[in-house]
PDB file of N, CA and C in Angstrom:
ATOM      1  N   MET A   1       0.702  -1.437  -0.060  1.00  0.00           N
ATOM      2  CA  MET A   1      -0.049   0.184   0.052  1.00  0.00           C
ATOM      3  C   MET A   1       1.017   1.150  -0.017  1.00  0.00           C
ATOM      4  N   ALA A   2       0.643   2.107  -0.585  1.00  0.00           N
ATOM      5  CA  ALA A   2       1.351   3.141  -0.946  1.00  0.00           C
ATOM      6  C   ALA A   2       1.282   4.183   0.350  1.00  0.00           C
ATOM      7  N   ASP A   3       2.262   4.960   0.555  1.00  0.00           N
ATOM      8  CA  ASP A   3       2.201   5.807   1.655  1.00  0.00           C
ATOM      9  C   ASP A   3       1.193   6.927   1.306  1.00  0.00           C
ATOM     10  N   MET A   4       0.377   7.520   2.630  1.00  0.00           N
ATOM     11  CA  MET A   4      -0.421   8.276   2.084  1.00  0.00           C
ATOM     12  C   MET A   4       0.196   9.765   2.170  1.00  0.00           C
ATOM     13  N   SER A   5       1.165   9.953   2.885  1.00  0.00           N
ATOM     14  CA  SER A   5       1.718  11.192   2.505  1.00  0.00           C
ATOM     15  C   SER A   5       2.196  11.731   1.143  1.00  0.00           C
ATOM     16  N   SER A   6       2.953  10.329   0.437  1.00  0.00           N
ATOM     17  CA  SER A   6       3.596  10.645  -1.091  1.00  0.00           C
ATOM     18  C   SER A   6       2.318  10.824  -1.879  1.00  0.00           C
ATOM     19  N   LEU A   7       1.182  10.447  -1.700  1.00  0.00           N
ATOM     20  CA  LEU A   7       0.007  10.711  -2.425  1.00  0.00           C
ATOM     21  C   LEU A   7      -0.458  12.143  -2.331  1.00  0.00           C
ATOM     22  N   PHE A   8      -0.165  12.391  -1.146  1.00  0.00           N
ATOM     23  CA  PHE A   8      -0.670  13.965  -1.113  1.00  0.00           C
ATOM     24  C   PHE A   8       0.144  15.008  -1.538  1.00  0.00           C
ATOM     25  N   ARG A   9       1.799  14.560  -1.749  1.00  0.00           N
ATOM     26  CA  ARG A   9       2.587  15.603  -1.941  1.00  0.00           C
ATOM     27  C   ARG A   9       2.512  15.426  -3.746  1.00  0.00           C
ATOM     28  N   ARG A  10       2.187  14.169  -4.407  1.00  0.00           N
ATOM     29  CA  ARG A  10       1.941  14.116  -5.779  1.00  0.00           C
ATOM     30  C   ARG A  10       1.054  14.932  -6.243  1.00  0.00           C
ATOM     31  N   ASN A  11      -0.263  15.026  -5.519  1.00  0.00           N
ATOM     32  CA  ASN A  11      -1.310  15.851  -5.748  1.00  0.00           C
ATOM     33  C   ASN A  11      -1.079  17.192  -5.768  1.00  0.00           C
ATOM     34  N   ALA A  12      -0.408  17.588  -4.731  1.00  0.00           N
ATOM     35  CA  ALA A  12      -0.026  18.892  -4.754  1.00  0.00           C
ATOM     36  C   ALA A  12       0.766  19.309  -5.695  1.00  0.00           C
ATOM     37  N   THR A  13       1.796  18.691  -5.760  1.00  0.00           N
ATOM     38  CA  THR A  13       2.764  18.806  -7.112  1.00  0.00           C
ATOM     39  C   THR A  13       2.043  19.260  -8.294  1.00  0.00           C
ATOM     40  N   LYS A  14       1.135  18.219  -8.639  1.00  0.00           N
ATOM     41  CA  LYS A  14       0.449  18.284  -9.999  1.00  0.00           C
ATOM     42  C   LYS A  14      -0.513  19.479  -9.987  1.00  0.00           C
ATOM     43  N   ALA A  15      -1.169  20.012  -8.875  1.00  0.00           N
ATOM     44  CA  ALA A  15      -2.007  20.715  -8.665  1.00  0.00           C
ATOM     45  C   ALA A  15      -1.105  22.428  -8.807  1.00  0.00           C
ATOM     46  N   SER A  16       0.023  22.156  -8.451  1.00  0.00           N
ATOM     47  CA  SER A  16       0.592  23.497  -8.412  1.00  0.00           C
ATOM     48  C   SER A  16       0.960  23.766  -9.834  1.00  0.00           C
ATOM     49  N   ARG A  17       1.487  22.824 -10.873  1.00  0.00           N
ATOM     50  CA  ARG A  17       1.824  22.775 -12.227  1.00  0.00           C
ATOM     51  C   ARG A  17       0.590  23.197 -13.113  1.00  0.00           C
ATOM     52  N   THR A  18      -0.679  23.035 -12.611  1.00  0.00           N
ATOM     53  CA  THR A  18      -2.121  23.129 -13.258  1.00  0.00           C
ATOM     54  C   THR A  18      -2.261  24.681 -13.334  1.00  0.00           C
ATOM     55  N   PRO A  19      -2.124  25.352 -14.711  1.00  0.00           N
ATOM     56  CA  PRO A  19      -2.389  26.713 -14.774  1.00  0.00           C
ATOM     57  C   PRO A  19      -3.827  27.113 -14.305  1.00  0.00           C
ATOM     58  N   GLN A  20      -3.948  28.212 -13.874  1.00  0.00           N
ATOM     59  CA  GLN A  20      -5.377  28.769 -13.369  1.00  0.00           C
ATOM     60  C   GLN A  20      -5.763  29.540 -14.487  1.00  0.00           C
ATOM     61  N   THR A  21      -7.107  29.009 -15.002  1.00  0.00           N
ATOM     62  CA  THR A  21      -7.554  29.824 -16.086  1.00  0.00           C
ATOM     63  C   THR A  21      -8.288  31.024 -15.819  1.00  0.00           C
ATOM     64  N   SER A  22      -8.911  31.173 -14.534  1.00  0.00           N
ATOM     65  CA  SER A  22      -9.868  31.992 -14.221  1.00  0.00           C
ATOM     66  C   SER A  22      -9.557  32.073 -12.557  1.00  0.00           C
ATOM     67  N   LYS A  23      -9.850  33.322 -12.012  1.00  0.00           N
ATOM     68  CA  LYS A  23     -10.041  33.425 -10.748  1.00  0.00           C
ATOM     69  C   LYS A  23     -11.418  33.424 -10.191  1.00  0.00           C
ATOM     70  N   ALA A  24     -11.460  33.175  -8.883  1.00  0.00           N
ATOM     71  CA  ALA A  24     -12.937  33.242  -8.257  1.00  0.00           C
ATOM     72  C   ALA A  24     -13.409  34.448  -7.949  1.00  0.00           C
ATOM     73  N   PRO A  25     -14.578  34.884  -8.500  1.00  0.00           N
ATOM     74  CA  PRO A  25     -14.837  36.114  -8.220  1.00  0.00           C
ATOM     75  C   PRO A  25     -15.182  36.523  -6.525  1.00  0.00           C
ATOM     76  N   GLN A  26     -14.398  37.850  -6.130  1.00  0.00           N
ATOM     77  CA  GLN A  26     -14.775  38.062  -5.015  1.00  0.00           C
ATOM     78  C   GLN A  26     -16.070  38.483  -4.755  1.00  0.00           C
ATOM     79  N   THR A  27     -16.301  37.906  -3.021  1.00  0.00           N
ATOM     80  CA  THR A  27     -17.357  38.141  -2.513  1.00  0.00           C
ATOM     81  C   THR A  27     -17.865  39.749  -2.141  1.00  0.00           C
ATOM     82  N   PRO A  28     -18.936  40.238  -2.564  1.00  0.00           N
ATOM     83  CA  PRO A  28     -19.430  41.532  -2.234  1.00  0.00           C
ATOM     84  C   PRO A  28     -19.072  41.797  -0.650  1.00  0.00           C
ATOM     85  N   THR A  29     -18.575  42.795  -0.226  1.00  0.00           N
ATOM     86  CA  THR A  29     -18.506  43.001   1.227  1.00  0.00           C
ATOM     87  C   THR A  29     -19.498  43.915   1.678  1.00  0.00           C
ATOM     88  N   ALA A  30     -20.070  44.864   0.822  1.00  0.00           N
ATOM     89  CA  ALA A  30     -21.253  45.659   1.385  1.00  0.00           C
ATOM     90  C   ALA A  30     -22.401  45.085   1.436  1.00  0.00           C
ATOM     91  N   PRO A  31     -23.614  44.856   2.464  1.00  0.00           N
ATOM     92  CA  PRO A  31     -24.602  44.180   2.467  1.00  0.00           C
ATOM     93  C   PRO A  31     -25.304  44.670   1.308  1.00  0.00           C
ATOM     94  N   GLN A  32     -25.398  46.069   0.566  1.00  0.00           N
ATOM     95  CA  GLN A  32     -26.101  46.482  -0.288  1.00  0.00           C
ATOM     96  C   GLN A  32     -25.871  46.020  -1.824  1.00  0.00           C
ATOM     97  N   ASP A  33     -24.478  45.354  -1.527  1.00  0.00           N
ATOM     98  CA  ASP A  33     -24.075  44.926  -2.880  1.00  0.00           C
ATOM     99  C   ASP A  33     -24.528  43.217  -2.987  1.00  0.00           C
ATOM    100  N   ARG A  34     -25.063  42.942  -1.779  1.00  0.00           N
ATOM    101  CA  ARG A  34     -25.438  41.268  -1.791  1.00  0.00           C
ATOM    102  C   ARG A  34     -27.063  41.370  -2.619  1.00  0.00           C
ATOM    103  N   HIS A  35     -27.334  40.173  -2.728  1.00  0.00           N
ATOM    104  CA  HIS A  35     -28.640  39.786  -3.467  1.00  0.00           C
ATOM    105  C   HIS A  35     -29.278  38.716  -2.627  1.00  0.00           C
ATOM    106  N   VAL A  36     -30.423  38.490  -2.303  1.00  0.00           N
ATOM    107  CA  VAL A  36     -31.198  37.489  -1.757  1.00  0.00           C
ATOM    108  C   VAL A  36     -32.339  37.163  -2.627  1.00  0.00           C
ATOM    109  N   THR A  37     -32.578  35.722  -2.725  1.00  0.00           N
ATOM    110  CA  THR A  37     -33.771  35.061  -3.641  1.00  0.00           C
ATOM    111  C   THR A  37     -34.394  34.090  -2.721  1.00  0.00           C
ATOM    112  N   LEU A  38     -35.857  34.267  -2.554  1.00  0.00           N
ATOM    113  CA  LEU A  38     -36.588  33.533  -1.703  1.00  0.00           C
ATOM    114  C   LEU A  38     -37.336  32.641  -2.959  1.00  0.00           C
ATOM    115  N   ILE A  39     -36.988  31.312  -2.772  1.00  0.00           N
ATOM    116  CA  ILE A  39     -37.731  30.220  -3.894  1.00  0.00           C
ATOM    117  C   ILE A  39     -39.093  29.871  -3.179  1.00  0.00           C
ATOM    118  N   ARG A  40     -40.072  29.953  -3.378  1.00  0.00           N
ATOM    119  CA  ARG A  40     -41.555  29.633  -2.624  1.00  0.00           C
ATOM    120  C   ARG A  40     -42.277  28.977  -3.680  1.00  0.00           C
ATOM    121  N   LYS A  41     -43.660  28.964  -2.902  1.00  0.00           N
ATOM    122  CA  LYS A  41     -44.733  28.596  -3.728  1.00  0.00           C
ATOM    123  C   LYS A  41     -45.942  28.982  -2.721  1.00  0.00           C
ATOM    124  N   PRO A  42     -47.170  29.640  -3.782  1.00  0.00           N
ATOM    125  CA  PRO A  42     -48.365  29.927  -2.957  1.00  0.00           C
ATOM    126  C   PRO A  42     -49.055  28.787  -2.014  1.00  0.00           C
ATOM    127  N   GLY A  43     -49.457  29.504  -0.721  1.00  0.00           N
ATOM    128  CA  GLY A  43     -49.994  28.755  -0.022  1.00  0.00           C
ATOM    129  C   GLY A  43     -49.097  27.861   1.133  1.00  0.00           C
ATOM    130  N   CYS A  44     -47.973  28.254   0.952  1.00  0.00           N
ATOM    131  CA  CYS A  44     -46.929  27.628   1.843  1.00  0.00           C
ATOM    132  C   CYS A  44     -46.404  28.408   2.900  1.00  0.00           C
ATOM    133  N   HIS A  45     -46.892  27.731   4.398  1.00  0.00           N
ATOM    134  CA  HIS A  45     -46.675  28.648   5.603  1.00  0.00           C
ATOM    135  C   HIS A  45     -45.238  28.865   6.091  1.00  0.00           C
ATOM    136  N   LEU A  46     -44.363  27.862   5.668  1.00  0.00           N
ATOM    137  CA  LEU A  46     -43.037  27.937   5.959  1.00  0.00           C
ATOM    138  C   LEU A  46     -42.440  29.038   4.924  1.00  0.00           C
ATOM    139  N   CYS A  47     -43.150  28.930   3.677  1.00  0.00           N
ATOM    140  CA  CYS A  47     -42.457  30.021   2.794  1.00  0.00           C
ATOM    141  C   CYS A  47     -42.998  31.722   3.068  1.00  0.00           C
ATOM    142  N   ASP A  48     -44.066  31.484   3.869  1.00  0.00           N
ATOM    143  CA  ASP A  48     -44.328  33.032   4.309  1.00  0.00           C
ATOM    144  C   ASP A  48     -43.754  33.240   5.765  1.00  0.00           C
ATOM    145  N   ASP A  49     -43.445  32.410   6.507  1.00  0.00           N
ATOM    146  CA  ASP A  49     -42.438  32.577   7.578  1.00  0.00           C
ATOM    147  C   ASP A  49     -40.802  33.010   7.047  1.00  0.00           C
ATOM    148  N   ALA A  50     -40.345  32.487   6.010  1.00  0.00           N
ATOM    149  CA  ALA A  50     -39.193  32.656   5.525  1.00  0.00           C
ATOM    150  C   ALA A  50     -38.969  34.057   5.117  1.00  0.00           C
ATOM    151  N   GLN A  51     -40.351  34.498   3.956  1.00  0.00           N
ATOM    152  CA  GLN A  51     -40.274  35.562   3.705  1.00  0.00           C
ATOM    153  C   GLN A  51     -40.340  36.698   4.752  1.00  0.00           C
ATOM    154  N   ALA A  52     -41.030  36.565   6.019  1.00  0.00           N
ATOM    155  CA  ALA A  52     -41.075  37.583   6.950  1.00  0.00           C
ATOM    156  C   ALA A  52     -39.673  37.912   7.644  1.00  0.00           C
ATOM    157  N   VAL A  53     -39.008  36.964   7.523  1.00  0.00           N
ATOM    158  CA  VAL A  53     -37.642  36.952   7.837  1.00  0.00           C
ATOM    159  C   VAL A  53     -36.844  37.882   7.046  1.00  0.00           C
ATOM    160  N   ILE A  54     -36.729  37.527   5.630  1.00  0.00           N
ATOM    161  CA  ILE A  54     -36.028  37.957   4.504  1.00  0.00           C
ATOM    162  C   ILE A  54     -36.404  39.627   4.502  1.00  0.00           C
ATOM    163  N   GLU A  55     -37.670  39.785   4.875  1.00  0.00           N
ATOM    164  CA  GLU A  55     -38.096  41.262   4.812  1.00  0.00           C
ATOM    165  C   GLU A  55     -37.487  42.060   5.687  1.00  0.00           C
ATOM    166  N   LYS A  56     -37.443  41.390   7.121  1.00  0.00           N
ATOM    167  CA  LYS A  56     -36.706  42.328   8.135  1.00  0.00           C
ATOM    168  C   LYS A  56     -35.398  42.246   8.116  1.00  0.00           C
ATOM    169  N   VAL A  57     -34.648  41.145   7.773  1.00  0.00           N
ATOM    170  CA  VAL A  57     -33.279  41.157   7.572  1.00  0.00           C
ATOM    171  C   VAL A  57     -32.807  42.150   6.510  1.00  0.00           C
ATOM    172  N   CYS A  58     -33.474  41.910   5.281  1.00  0.00           N
ATOM    173  CA  CYS A  58     -33.093  42.627   4.149  1.00  0.00           C
ATOM    174  C   CYS A  58     -33.357  44.011   4.286  1.00  0.00           C
ATOM    175  N   GLY A  59     -34.583  44.683   4.965  1.00  0.00           N
ATOM    176  CA  GLY A  59     -34.865  45.773   4.991  1.00  0.00           C
ATOM    177  C   GLY A  59     -34.000  46.661   6.142  1.00  0.00           C
ATOM    178  N   ASP A  60     -33.531  46.000   6.986  1.00  0.00           N
ATOM    179  CA  ASP A  60     -32.685  46.518   7.953  1.00  0.00           C
ATOM    180  C   ASP A  60     -31.169  46.868   7.391  1.00  0.00           C
ATOM    181  N   LEU A  61     -30.858  45.760   6.509  1.00  0.00           N
ATOM    182  CA  LEU A  61     -29.350  46.071   5.929  1.00  0.00           C
ATOM    183  C   LEU A  61     -29.474  46.676   4.760  1.00  0.00           C
ATOM    184  N   GLY A  62     -30.803  46.872   4.041  1.00  0.00           N
ATOM    185  CA  GLY A  62     -30.686  47.574   2.703  1.00  0.00           C
ATOM    186  C   GLY A  62     -30.217  46.568   1.703  1.00  0.00           C
ATOM    187  N   VAL A  63     -30.233  45.123   1.752  1.00  0.00           N
ATOM    188  CA  VAL A  63     -30.118  44.269   0.728  1.00  0.00           C
ATOM    189  C   VAL A  63     -31.512  44.198   0.125  1.00  0.00           C
ATOM    190  N   PRO A  64     -31.053  43.978  -1.504  1.00  0.00           N
ATOM    191  CA  PRO A  64     -32.134  44.029  -2.149  1.00  0.00           C
ATOM    192  C   PRO A  64     -32.355  42.385  -2.425  1.00  0.00           C
ATOM    193  N   TRP A  65     -33.820  42.110  -2.597  1.00  0.00           N
ATOM    194  CA  TRP A  65     -33.978  40.535  -2.590  1.00  0.00           C
ATOM    195  C   TRP A  65     -35.223  40.531  -3.525  1.00  0.00           C
ATOM    196  N   GLU A  66     -35.715  39.165  -3.911  1.00  0.00           N
ATOM    197  CA  GLU A  66     -36.454  39.167  -4.763  1.00  0.00           C
ATOM    198  C   GLU A  66     -37.505  37.644  -4.108  1.00  0.00           C
ATOM    199  N   LYS A  67     -38.282  37.418  -4.974  1.00  0.00           N
ATOM    200  CA  LYS A  67     -39.342  35.850  -4.622  1.00  0.00           C
ATOM    201  C   LYS A  67     -39.393  35.351  -6.004  1.00  0.00           C
ATOM    202  N   LYS A  68     -39.282  34.023  -6.092  1.00  0.00           N
ATOM    203  CA  LYS A  68     -39.543  33.359  -6.904  1.00  0.00           C
ATOM    204  C   LYS A  68     -40.456  32.194  -6.899  1.00  0.00           C
ATOM    205  N   ASP A  69     -41.456  31.755  -7.606  1.00  0.00           N
ATOM    206  CA  ASP A  69     -42.836  31.007  -7.663  1.00  0.00           C
ATOM    207  C   ASP A  69     -41.897  29.860  -8.356  1.00  0.00           C
ATOM    208  N   ILE A  70     -41.933  28.774  -7.677  1.00  0.00           N
ATOM    209  CA  ILE A  70     -41.605  27.436  -8.284  1.00  0.00           C
ATOM    210  C   ILE A  70     -42.988  26.821  -9.053  1.00  0.00           C
ATOM    211  N   THR A  71     -44.042  27.563  -8.788  1.00  0.00           N
ATOM    212  CA  THR A  71     -45.065  26.715  -9.710  1.00  0.00           C
ATOM    213  C   THR A  71     -44.664  27.389 -11.165  1.00  0.00           C
ATOM    214  N   GLN A  72     -44.302  28.499 -11.239  1.00  0.00           N
ATOM    215  CA  GLN A  72     -43.913  29.391 -12.551  1.00  0.00           C
ATOM    216  C   GLN A  72     -42.704  29.238 -13.379  1.00  0.00           C
ATOM    217  N   ASP A  73     -41.958  28.341 -13.063  1.00  0.00           N
ATOM    218  CA  ASP A  73     -40.643  28.052 -13.152  1.00  0.00           C
ATOM    219  C   ASP A  73     -40.030  26.642 -13.098  1.00  0.00           C
ATOM    220  N   PRO A  74     -40.329  25.873 -14.433  1.00  0.00           N
ATOM    221  CA  PRO A  74     -40.038  24.303 -14.164  1.00  0.00           C
ATOM    222  C   PRO A  74     -38.840  23.881 -13.599  1.00  0.00           C
ATOM    223  N   GLN A  75     -37.559  24.573 -14.200  1.00  0.00           N
ATOM    224  CA  GLN A  75     -36.375  24.500 -13.578  1.00  0.00           C
ATOM    225  C   GLN A  75     -36.379  24.583 -12.182  1.00  0.00           C
ATOM    226  N   LEU A  76     -36.914  25.729 -11.551  1.00  0.00           N
ATOM    227  CA  LEU A  76     -36.839  26.058 -10.267  1.00  0.00           C
ATOM    228  C   LEU A  76     -37.452  24.865  -9.505  1.00  0.00           C
ATOM    229  N   HIS A  77     -38.770  24.282 -10.127  1.00  0.00           N
ATOM    230  CA  HIS A  77     -39.492  23.215  -9.526  1.00  0.00           C
ATOM    231  C   HIS A  77     -38.592  22.194  -9.524  1.00  0.00           C
ATOM    232  N   ASP A  78     -37.934  21.799 -10.532  1.00  0.00           N
ATOM    233  CA  ASP A  78     -37.210  20.451 -10.518  1.00  0.00           C
ATOM    234  C   ASP A  78     -36.008  20.433  -9.598  1.00  0.00           C
ATOM    235  N   GLN A  79     -35.433  21.558  -9.425  1.00  0.00           N
ATOM    236  CA  GLN A  79     -34.417  21.843  -8.752  1.00  0.00           C
ATOM    237  C   GLN A  79     -34.890  21.539  -7.017  1.00  0.00           C
ATOM    238  N   TYR A  80     -35.672  22.447  -7.037  1.00  0.00           N
ATOM    239  CA  TYR A  80     -35.887  22.901  -5.424  1.00  0.00           C
ATOM    240  C   TYR A  80     -37.189  22.182  -4.945  1.00  0.00           C
ATOM    241  N   TRP A  81     -38.019  21.641  -5.571  1.00  0.00           N
ATOM    242  CA  TRP A  81     -39.442  21.293  -4.772  1.00  0.00           C
ATOM    243  C   TRP A  81     -39.643  20.325  -3.487  1.00  0.00           C
ATOM    244  N   GLU A  82     -38.693  19.860  -3.402  1.00  0.00           N
ATOM    245  CA  GLU A  82     -38.513  19.423  -2.064  1.00  0.00           C
ATOM    246  C   GLU A  82     -38.025  20.155  -1.007  1.00  0.00           C
ATOM    247  N   GLN A  83     -37.626  21.063  -1.029  1.00  0.00           N
ATOM    248  CA  GLN A  83     -36.684  21.803  -0.135  1.00  0.00           C
ATOM    249  C   GLN A  83     -37.435  23.266   0.379  1.00  0.00           C
ATOM    250  N   ILE A  84     -38.270  23.387  -0.659  1.00  0.00           N
ATOM    251  CA  ILE A  84     -39.161  24.959  -0.529  1.00  0.00           C
ATOM    252  C   ILE A  84     -39.297  25.195   1.108  1.00  0.00           C
ATOM    253  N   PRO A  85     -39.426  26.502   1.500  1.00  0.00           N
ATOM    254  CA  PRO A  85     -38.696  27.559   0.922  1.00  0.00           C
ATOM    255  C   PRO A  85     -36.912  27.526   0.722  1.00  0.00           C
ATOM    256  N   VAL A  86     -36.761  27.914  -0.167  1.00  0.00           N
ATOM    257  CA  VAL A  86     -35.122  28.110  -0.436  1.00  0.00           C
ATOM    258  C   VAL A  86     -34.839  29.360  -0.532  1.00  0.00           C
ATOM    259  N   VAL A  87     -33.638  29.867   0.430  1.00  0.00           N
ATOM    260  CA  VAL A  87     -32.901  30.940   0.326  1.00  0.00           C
ATOM    261  C   VAL A  87     -31.884  30.741  -0.409  1.00  0.00           C
ATOM    262  N   LEU A  88     -31.411  31.637  -1.269  1.00  0.00           N
ATOM    263  CA  LEU A  88     -30.268  31.950  -2.138  1.00  0.00           C
ATOM    264  C   LEU A  88     -29.686  33.563  -1.544  1.00  0.00           C
ATOM    265  N   VAL A  89     -28.144  33.331  -1.464  1.00  0.00           N
ATOM    266  CA  VAL A  89     -27.621  34.696  -1.053  1.00  0.00           C
ATOM    267  C   VAL A  89     -26.318  34.489  -2.288  1.00  0.00           C
ATOM    268  N   ASP A  90     -26.865  35.652  -3.062  1.00  0.00           N
ATOM    269  CA  ASP A  90     -25.745  35.942  -4.138  1.00  0.00           C
ATOM    270  C   ASP A  90     -25.701  34.618  -5.116  1.00  0.00           C
ATOM    271  N   GLY A  91     -27.068  34.123  -5.186  1.00  0.00           N
ATOM    272  CA  GLY A  91     -27.060  32.995  -6.156  1.00  0.00           C
ATOM    273  C   GLY A  91     -26.408  31.146  -5.683  1.00  0.00           C
ATOM    274  N   GLU A  92     -26.002  31.461  -4.436  1.00  0.00           N
ATOM    275  CA  GLU A  92     -25.807  30.219  -3.658  1.00  0.00           C
ATOM    276  C   GLU A  92     -26.827  29.830  -2.644  1.00  0.00           C
ATOM    277  N   GLN A  93     -27.051  28.479  -2.591  1.00  0.00           N
ATOM    278  CA  GLN A  93     -27.867  28.126  -1.444  1.00  0.00           C
ATOM    279  C   GLN A  93     -27.530  28.560  -0.244  1.00  0.00           C
ATOM    280  N   HIS A  94     -28.150  29.252   0.332  1.00  0.00           N
ATOM    281  CA  HIS A  94     -28.050  29.605   1.964  1.00  0.00           C
ATOM    282  C   HIS A  94     -28.818  28.726   2.882  1.00  0.00           C
ATOM    283  N   THR A  95     -30.120  28.342   2.682  1.00  0.00           N
ATOM    284  CA  THR A  95     -30.727  27.688   3.510  1.00  0.00           C
ATOM    285  C   THR A  95     -31.916  27.156   2.917  1.00  0.00           C
ATOM    286  N   PHE A  96     -32.765  26.406   3.582  1.00  0.00           N
ATOM    287  CA  PHE A  96     -33.974  25.664   3.124  1.00  0.00           C
ATOM    288  C   PHE A  96     -34.658  25.417   4.404  1.00  0.00           C
ATOM    289  N   TRP A  97     -36.343  25.147   4.025  1.00  0.00           N
ATOM    290  CA  TRP A  97     -37.351  24.997   4.886  1.00  0.00           C
ATOM    291  C   TRP A  97     -37.622  26.163   6.044  1.00  0.00           C
ATOM    292  N   ARG A  98     -36.512  26.339   6.927  1.00  0.00           N
ATOM    293  CA  ARG A  98     -36.575  27.383   7.978  1.00  0.00           C
ATOM    294  C   ARG A  98     -35.436  28.272   7.935  1.00  0.00           C
ATOM    295  N   VAL A  99     -35.708  29.895   7.818  1.00  0.00           N
ATOM    296  CA  VAL A  99     -34.652  30.608   7.884  1.00  0.00           C
ATOM    297  C   VAL A  99     -34.406  31.318   9.130  1.00  0.00           C
ATOM    298  N   ASN A 100     -33.046  31.190   9.537  1.00  0.00           N
ATOM    299  CA  ASN A 100     -32.761  31.524  10.865  1.00  0.00           C
ATOM    300  C   ASN A 100     -32.305  33.029  10.745  1.00  0.00           C
ATOM    301  N   GLU A 101     -32.911  34.030  11.352  1.00  0.00           N
ATOM    302  CA  GLU A 101     -32.595  35.467  10.920  1.00  0.00           C
ATOM    303  C   GLU A 101     -31.331  35.709  11.359  1.00  0.00           C
ATOM    304  N   GLU A 102     -30.372  35.090  12.572  1.00  0.00           N
ATOM    305  CA  GLU A 102     -29.059  35.589  13.177  1.00  0.00           C
ATOM    306  C   GLU A 102     -27.845  35.041  11.879  1.00  0.00           C
ATOM    307  N   ARG A 103     -28.581  34.001  11.593  1.00  0.00           N
ATOM    308  CA  ARG A 103     -27.471  33.186  10.241  1.00  0.00           C
ATOM    309  C   ARG A 103     -27.464  34.093   9.136  1.00  0.00           C
ATOM    310  N   LEU A 104     -28.687  34.384   8.873  1.00  0.00           N
ATOM    311  CA  LEU A 104     -29.095  35.385   7.324  1.00  0.00           C
ATOM    312  C   LEU A 104     -28.105  36.580   7.550  1.00  0.00           C
ATOM    313  N   ARG A 105     -28.364  37.212   8.665  1.00  0.00           N
ATOM    314  CA  ARG A 105     -27.915  38.453   8.889  1.00  0.00           C
ATOM    315  C   ARG A 105     -26.198  38.334   8.831  1.00  0.00           C
ATOM    316  N   LYS A 106     -25.711  37.238   9.419  1.00  0.00           N
ATOM    317  CA  LYS A 106     -24.222  37.009   9.749  1.00  0.00           C
ATOM    318  C   LYS A 106     -23.878  36.831   8.090  1.00  0.00           C
ATOM    319  N   ALA A 107     -24.428  36.052   7.282  1.00  0.00           N
ATOM    320  CA  ALA A 107     -24.248  35.917   5.786  1.00  0.00           C
ATOM    321  C   ALA A 107     -24.102  37.024   4.996  1.00  0.00           C
ATOM    322  N   LEU A 108     -24.839  37.913   5.328  1.00  0.00           N
ATOM    323  CA  LEU A 108     -24.968  39.319   4.365  1.00  0.00           C
ATOM    324  C   LEU A 108     -23.952  40.311   4.906  1.00  0.00           C
ATOM    325  N   THR A 109     -23.330  40.324   6.083  1.00  0.00           N
ATOM    326  CA  THR A 109     -22.347  41.085   6.546  1.00  0.00           C
ATOM    327  C   THR A 109     -21.157  40.600   6.647  1.00  0.00           C
ATOM    328  N   GLU A 110     -20.849  39.461   6.400  1.00  0.00           N
ATOM    329  CA  GLU A 110     -19.566  39.002   6.642  1.00  0.00           C
ATOM    330  C   GLU A 110     -19.008  39.288   5.233  1.00  0.00           C
TER     331      GLU A 110
END
């Protein structure tokens, strides 16, 4: 069996020779530069609860937000129907089902 440390060194050496084609985008620093998306559906009480938290946090911080209805978008429905409500921050999934106010506020201010 191969020594694990030699495998890590080999992979690290290989990775260091691989040219970087693009840099990762920098995360916005100001809350106003962030964007929150709530993916929901009509008649969903958890979605209503999530929206109330998002309205409060985004309102306090001046963060723009939007809501999207999975019943109007087949792609969103296929991707998220088991998890709604889903909250995205800057296009990345932040949470689903229940939105924690403190966690969302922290994600938008760090």
